[in-house]
Amino acid sequence: MQKAFIVYFWTEKRNNLDELNQLLSEGWKVHSQKPMGTGESAGAYSLVILEK
């Protein structure tokens, strides 16, 4: 089974890294990762495909 997850990071307090870490602790593994965006915003985005 696979799951698409979009990681976002604007600041240390505005991100979803805890949610990604929770999925990884539940046994999901990173299958692939690709950066997203145009580089014109202050945030960073990445498409992560998880696999279980």
C-alpha atoms as a PDB file:
ATOM      1  CA  MET A   1       0.000   0.000   0.000  1.00  0.00           C
ATOM      2  CA  GLN A   2       1.237   3.499  -0.798  1.00  0.00           C
ATOM      3  CA  LYS A   3       0.317   6.927   0.503  1.00  0.00           C
ATOM      4  CA  ALA A   4       1.137  10.374  -0.881  1.00  0.00           C
ATOM      5  CA  PHE A   5       2.183  12.905   1.742  1.00  0.00           C
ATOM      6  CA  ILE A   6       3.054  16.552   1.119  1.00  0.00           C
ATOM      7  CA  VAL A   7       5.583  17.862   3.620  1.00  0.00           C
ATOM      8  CA  TYR A   8       5.528  21.599   4.204  1.00  0.00           C
ATOM      9  CA  PHE A   9       7.929  23.737   6.197  1.00  0.00           C
ATOM     10  CA  TRP A  10       7.494  27.474   6.705  1.00  0.00           C
ATOM     11  CA  THR A  11       9.006  27.897  10.157  1.00  0.00           C
ATOM     12  CA  GLU A  12       9.881  25.654  13.069  1.00  0.00           C
ATOM     13  CA  LYS A  13       6.330  26.135  14.383  1.00  0.00           C
ATOM     14  CA  ARG A  14       4.528  25.927  11.036  1.00  0.00           C
ATOM     15  CA  ASN A  15       5.265  22.540   9.536  1.00  0.00           C
ATOM     16  CA  ASN A  16       3.912  18.988   9.528  1.00  0.00           C
ATOM     17  CA  LEU A  17       7.113  17.130  10.329  1.00  0.00           C
ATOM     18  CA  ASP A  18       5.547  15.639  13.479  1.00  0.00           C
ATOM     19  CA  GLU A  19       2.822  14.052  11.341  1.00  0.00           C
ATOM     20  CA  LEU A  20       5.412  12.568   8.973  1.00  0.00           C
ATOM     21  CA  ASN A  21       7.494  11.272  11.893  1.00  0.00           C
ATOM     22  CA  GLN A  22       4.371   9.663  13.370  1.00  0.00           C
ATOM     23  CA  LEU A  23       3.713   7.793  10.109  1.00  0.00           C
ATOM     24  CA  LEU A  24       7.331   6.626   9.988  1.00  0.00           C
ATOM     25  CA  SER A  25       7.114   5.385  13.579  1.00  0.00           C
ATOM     26  CA  GLU A  26       3.988   3.406  12.602  1.00  0.00           C
ATOM     27  CA  GLY A  27       6.010   1.433  10.069  1.00  0.00           C
ATOM     28  CA  TRP A  28       5.625   3.500   6.900  1.00  0.00           C
ATOM     29  CA  LYS A  29       8.808   3.769   4.823  1.00  0.00           C
ATOM     30  CA  VAL A  30       9.818   6.450   2.321  1.00  0.00           C
ATOM     31  CA  HIS A  31       9.504   5.049  -1.198  1.00  0.00           C
ATOM     32  CA  SER A  32      10.398   8.273  -3.029  1.00  0.00           C
ATOM     33  CA  GLN A  33      10.631  12.011  -2.528  1.00  0.00           C
ATOM     34  CA  LYS A  34      10.480  14.963  -4.933  1.00  0.00           C
ATOM     35  CA  PRO A  35      10.711  18.689  -4.208  1.00  0.00           C
ATOM     36  CA  MET A  36       7.718  20.813  -5.176  1.00  0.00           C
ATOM     37  CA  GLY A  37       7.185  24.481  -5.892  1.00  0.00           C
ATOM     38  CA  THR A  38       8.686  27.240  -7.946  1.00  0.00           C
ATOM     39  CA  GLY A  39      11.084  28.614  -5.355  1.00  0.00           C
ATOM     40  CA  GLU A  40       9.110  31.851  -5.182  1.00  0.00           C
ATOM     41  CA  SER A  41       7.689  31.347  -1.681  1.00  0.00           C
ATOM     42  CA  ALA A  42       9.282  31.368   1.755  1.00  0.00           C
ATOM     43  CA  GLY A  43       8.085  27.811   2.444  1.00  0.00           C
ATOM     44  CA  ALA A  44       9.469  24.494   1.325  1.00  0.00           C
ATOM     45  CA  TYR A  45       7.298  21.679  -0.026  1.00  0.00           C
ATOM     46  CA  SER A  46       8.089  18.083  -0.895  1.00  0.00           C
ATOM     47  CA  LEU A  47       5.989  15.214  -2.212  1.00  0.00           C
ATOM     48  CA  VAL A  48       6.816  12.046  -0.271  1.00  0.00           C
ATOM     49  CA  ILE A  49       5.464   8.673  -1.338  1.00  0.00           C
ATOM     50  CA  LEU A  50       5.221   6.375   1.668  1.00  0.00           C
ATOM     51  CA  GLU A  51       4.929   2.601   1.485  1.00  0.00           C
ATOM     52  CA  LYS A  52       3.793   0.031   4.000  1.00  0.00           C
END
